[in-house]
Amino acid sequence: MGHIDAGTGTTWAAFAAAEPELEATVRERFGQFTHHVLGTLRKDGSPRLSGIEADFRWGELWLGMMPNSRKALDLRRDPRFSLLANPGSGTDMGGGDVRISGRAVEITDPKELDRYAEAVGMPMPFHVFRAEPAEVVRTFVEGDDMVIRTWTPGRPVRTIRRGTDDSPPRETTS
């Protein structure tokens, strides 16, 4: 029996409206590469990592997948996911690590599927999910600090700075 979930209730557009600067940074970071890493949950609850192309279009984040792929079946069973932007080559962080976690809502309306297929040139059949973000995190180095910026629905962005020494992290909200 598939896992039924109403989602987070948050759209990518709502995140963009709430935090336009962070949203632009996240989209830019994902735009540096085509392939990214999607984390889903297997039937036994263990994690599965898969390559995926993330698609920002019409104010939303879309995840398209081949029919009956393991990652699509995982998301149908349990919609929780985590998506990591491709870290790039070597040790160049390319603007830092960016991760989006939340719920994936499968699109089943034939008109919406046709619209998406036409826009991206994806041959039918396929699965497409709309991402509902529950957390967006950017981690990067600034001077001597590691900086972690975190957004969750209904809250301002939290920024945590950690130095290279053993002093406690410093936190601010925007």
Protein backbone atom coordinates (compact mmCIF):
# COMPACT_ATOMS: atom_id res chain seq x y z
CA MET A 1 0.00 0.00 0.00
CA GLY A 2 1.48 3.39 -0.98
CA HIS A 3 2.26 6.04 1.57
CA ILE A 4 -0.39 8.80 1.55
CA ASP A 5 0.89 12.25 2.37
CA ALA A 6 -0.61 15.70 2.03
CA GLY A 7 2.81 17.28 1.53
CA THR A 8 4.35 20.21 3.36
CA GLY A 9 1.80 22.69 2.09
CA THR A 10 4.68 24.88 0.93
CA THR A 11 5.47 25.55 -2.69
CA TRP A 12 8.74 26.62 -4.24
CA ALA A 13 7.01 29.88 -5.19
CA ALA A 14 6.16 30.51 -1.51
CA PHE A 15 9.81 29.98 -0.57
CA ALA A 16 10.88 32.36 -3.36
CA ALA A 17 8.44 35.01 -2.13
CA ALA A 18 9.58 34.63 1.48
CA GLU A 19 13.35 34.52 0.81
CA PRO A 20 14.09 35.81 -2.72
CA GLU A 21 17.83 36.25 -2.13
CA LEU A 22 18.40 32.72 -0.83
CA GLU A 23 16.08 31.27 -3.49
CA ALA A 24 18.05 32.99 -6.27
CA THR A 25 21.33 31.68 -4.81
CA VAL A 26 19.93 28.14 -4.62
CA ARG A 27 18.61 28.21 -8.22
CA GLU A 28 21.93 29.64 -9.44
CA ARG A 29 23.85 26.93 -7.59
CA PHE A 30 21.69 24.16 -9.10
CA GLY A 31 22.05 25.80 -12.52
CA GLN A 32 25.83 25.30 -12.54
CA PHE A 33 25.41 21.60 -13.38
CA THR A 34 22.77 19.39 -14.98
CA HIS A 35 23.00 16.34 -12.72
CA HIS A 36 22.43 16.36 -8.96
CA VAL A 37 21.95 13.81 -6.17
CA LEU A 38 18.51 12.77 -4.90
CA GLY A 39 18.09 10.95 -1.60
CA THR A 40 14.96 8.82 -1.15
CA LEU A 41 13.91 6.09 1.27
CA ARG A 42 13.80 2.43 0.27
CA LYS A 43 10.97 0.15 1.37
CA ASP A 44 13.05 -0.97 4.38
CA GLY A 45 13.74 2.66 5.38
CA SER A 46 17.37 2.70 4.31
CA PRO A 47 18.56 5.60 2.14
CA ARG A 48 18.94 5.46 -1.63
CA LEU A 49 21.02 8.00 -3.59
CA SER A 50 20.29 8.53 -7.27
CA GLY A 51 21.35 10.94 -9.97
CA ILE A 52 18.65 13.35 -11.15
CA GLU A 53 18.09 16.53 -13.11
CA ALA A 54 16.30 19.26 -11.12
CA ASP A 55 14.09 21.56 -13.14
CA PHE A 56 13.01 25.03 -12.00
CA ARG A 57 10.06 26.10 -14.12
CA TRP A 58 6.76 27.98 -13.66
CA GLY A 59 7.77 29.02 -10.15
CA GLU A 60 8.20 25.43 -8.96
CA LEU A 61 10.91 22.78 -8.57
CA TRP A 62 10.21 19.64 -10.62
CA LEU A 63 11.76 16.18 -10.48
CA GLY A 64 11.26 14.07 -13.62
CA MET A 65 12.01 10.33 -13.66
CA MET A 66 11.88 7.33 -15.95
CA PRO A 67 8.83 5.08 -15.58
CA ASN A 68 9.01 2.76 -12.60
CA SER A 69 12.52 3.88 -11.66
CA ARG A 70 13.53 2.93 -8.12
CA LYS A 71 13.58 6.58 -7.02
CA ALA A 72 10.07 7.18 -8.41
CA LEU A 73 8.74 4.08 -6.65
CA ASP A 74 10.46 5.21 -3.44
CA LEU A 75 8.75 8.62 -3.65
CA ARG A 76 5.37 7.07 -4.39
CA ARG A 77 5.73 4.99 -1.23
CA ASP A 78 7.26 7.71 0.95
CA PRO A 79 7.44 11.24 -0.51
CA ARG A 80 10.28 12.48 1.70
CA PHE A 81 13.40 13.44 -0.21
CA SER A 82 16.63 15.38 0.02
CA LEU A 83 18.25 16.92 -3.07
CA LEU A 84 21.91 17.97 -3.08
CA ALA A 85 23.28 20.27 -5.77
CA ASN A 86 26.17 18.72 -7.69
CA PRO A 87 29.26 19.65 -5.65
CA GLY A 88 31.38 20.16 -8.75
CA SER A 89 34.84 18.94 -9.53
CA GLY A 90 37.81 18.85 -7.21
CA THR A 91 37.71 20.94 -4.04
CA ASP A 92 36.13 24.04 -5.59
CA MET A 93 32.80 24.34 -3.79
CA GLY A 94 31.24 26.37 -6.63
CA GLY A 95 29.34 28.61 -4.24
CA GLY A 96 28.91 26.10 -1.43
CA ASP A 97 26.75 23.10 -0.75
CA VAL A 98 23.04 23.54 -1.36
CA ARG A 99 20.45 21.03 -0.16
CA ILE A 100 16.66 20.98 -0.40
CA SER A 101 14.60 18.59 1.71
CA GLY A 102 10.87 18.13 1.71
CA ARG A 103 8.09 16.15 0.10
CA ALA A 104 7.58 15.20 -3.53
CA VAL A 105 4.01 15.35 -4.86
CA GLU A 106 3.45 13.24 -7.97
CA ILE A 107 1.69 14.94 -10.84
CA THR A 108 -0.95 12.65 -12.33
CA ASP A 109 -3.17 15.08 -14.24
CA PRO A 110 -2.70 14.23 -17.96
CA LYS A 111 -2.86 17.90 -19.01
CA GLU A 112 -0.14 18.86 -16.54
CA LEU A 113 2.00 15.91 -17.64
CA ASP A 114 1.57 16.86 -21.32
CA ARG A 115 2.49 20.48 -20.51
CA TYR A 116 5.64 19.37 -18.70
CA ALA A 117 6.59 16.85 -21.41
CA GLU A 118 6.24 19.49 -24.12
CA ALA A 119 8.23 22.08 -22.16
CA VAL A 120 11.19 19.80 -21.41
CA GLY A 121 11.07 17.52 -24.43
CA MET A 122 10.69 14.41 -22.28
CA PRO A 123 9.15 11.40 -24.03
CA MET A 124 6.15 9.79 -22.39
CA PRO A 125 5.75 7.84 -20.20
CA PHE A 126 7.54 9.26 -17.15
CA HIS A 127 6.95 10.31 -13.56
CA VAL A 128 7.09 13.94 -12.57
CA PHE A 129 6.98 15.23 -9.01
CA ARG A 130 6.57 18.78 -7.73
CA ALA A 131 8.85 19.48 -4.77
CA GLU A 132 7.39 20.99 -1.62
CA PRO A 133 10.35 22.30 0.38
CA ALA A 134 10.45 21.75 4.13
CA GLU A 135 14.07 22.91 4.50
CA VAL A 136 16.58 24.69 2.28
CA VAL A 137 20.21 24.80 3.44
CA ARG A 138 23.27 26.53 1.99
CA THR A 139 26.69 25.85 3.53
CA PHE A 140 29.72 27.85 2.44
CA VAL A 141 33.04 29.23 3.68
CA GLU A 142 33.41 32.95 4.33
CA GLY A 143 36.78 34.09 5.63
CA ASP A 144 37.62 31.81 8.55
CA ASP A 145 33.99 30.81 9.14
CA MET A 146 31.84 28.01 7.88
CA VAL A 147 28.42 29.60 7.32
CA ILE A 148 25.19 27.61 7.35
CA ARG A 149 22.00 29.37 6.16
CA THR A 150 18.78 27.44 6.81
CA TRP A 151 15.19 28.20 5.81
CA THR A 152 12.08 26.37 6.98
CA PRO A 153 8.47 27.38 6.18
CA GLY A 154 7.10 30.21 8.28
CA ARG A 155 10.46 31.15 9.81
CA PRO A 156 13.14 33.62 8.84
CA VAL A 157 16.47 32.36 7.53
CA ARG A 158 18.79 31.26 10.33
CA THR A 159 22.51 31.86 9.86
CA ILE A 160 25.02 29.92 11.93
CA ARG A 161 28.71 30.78 11.78
CA ARG A 162 31.34 28.39 13.05
CA GLY A 163 34.98 29.30 13.32
CA THR A 164 37.98 27.04 13.02
CA ASP A 165 38.53 27.12 16.78
CA ASP A 166 36.46 25.55 19.55
CA SER A 167 34.37 28.66 20.28
CA PRO A 168 30.59 28.14 20.16
CA PRO A 169 28.69 28.79 16.93
CA ARG A 170 27.11 32.23 16.49
CA GLU A 171 23.51 32.38 15.28
CA THR A 172 21.45 35.16 13.72
CA THR A 173 18.10 35.32 11.89
CA SER A 174 17.20 37.56 9.00
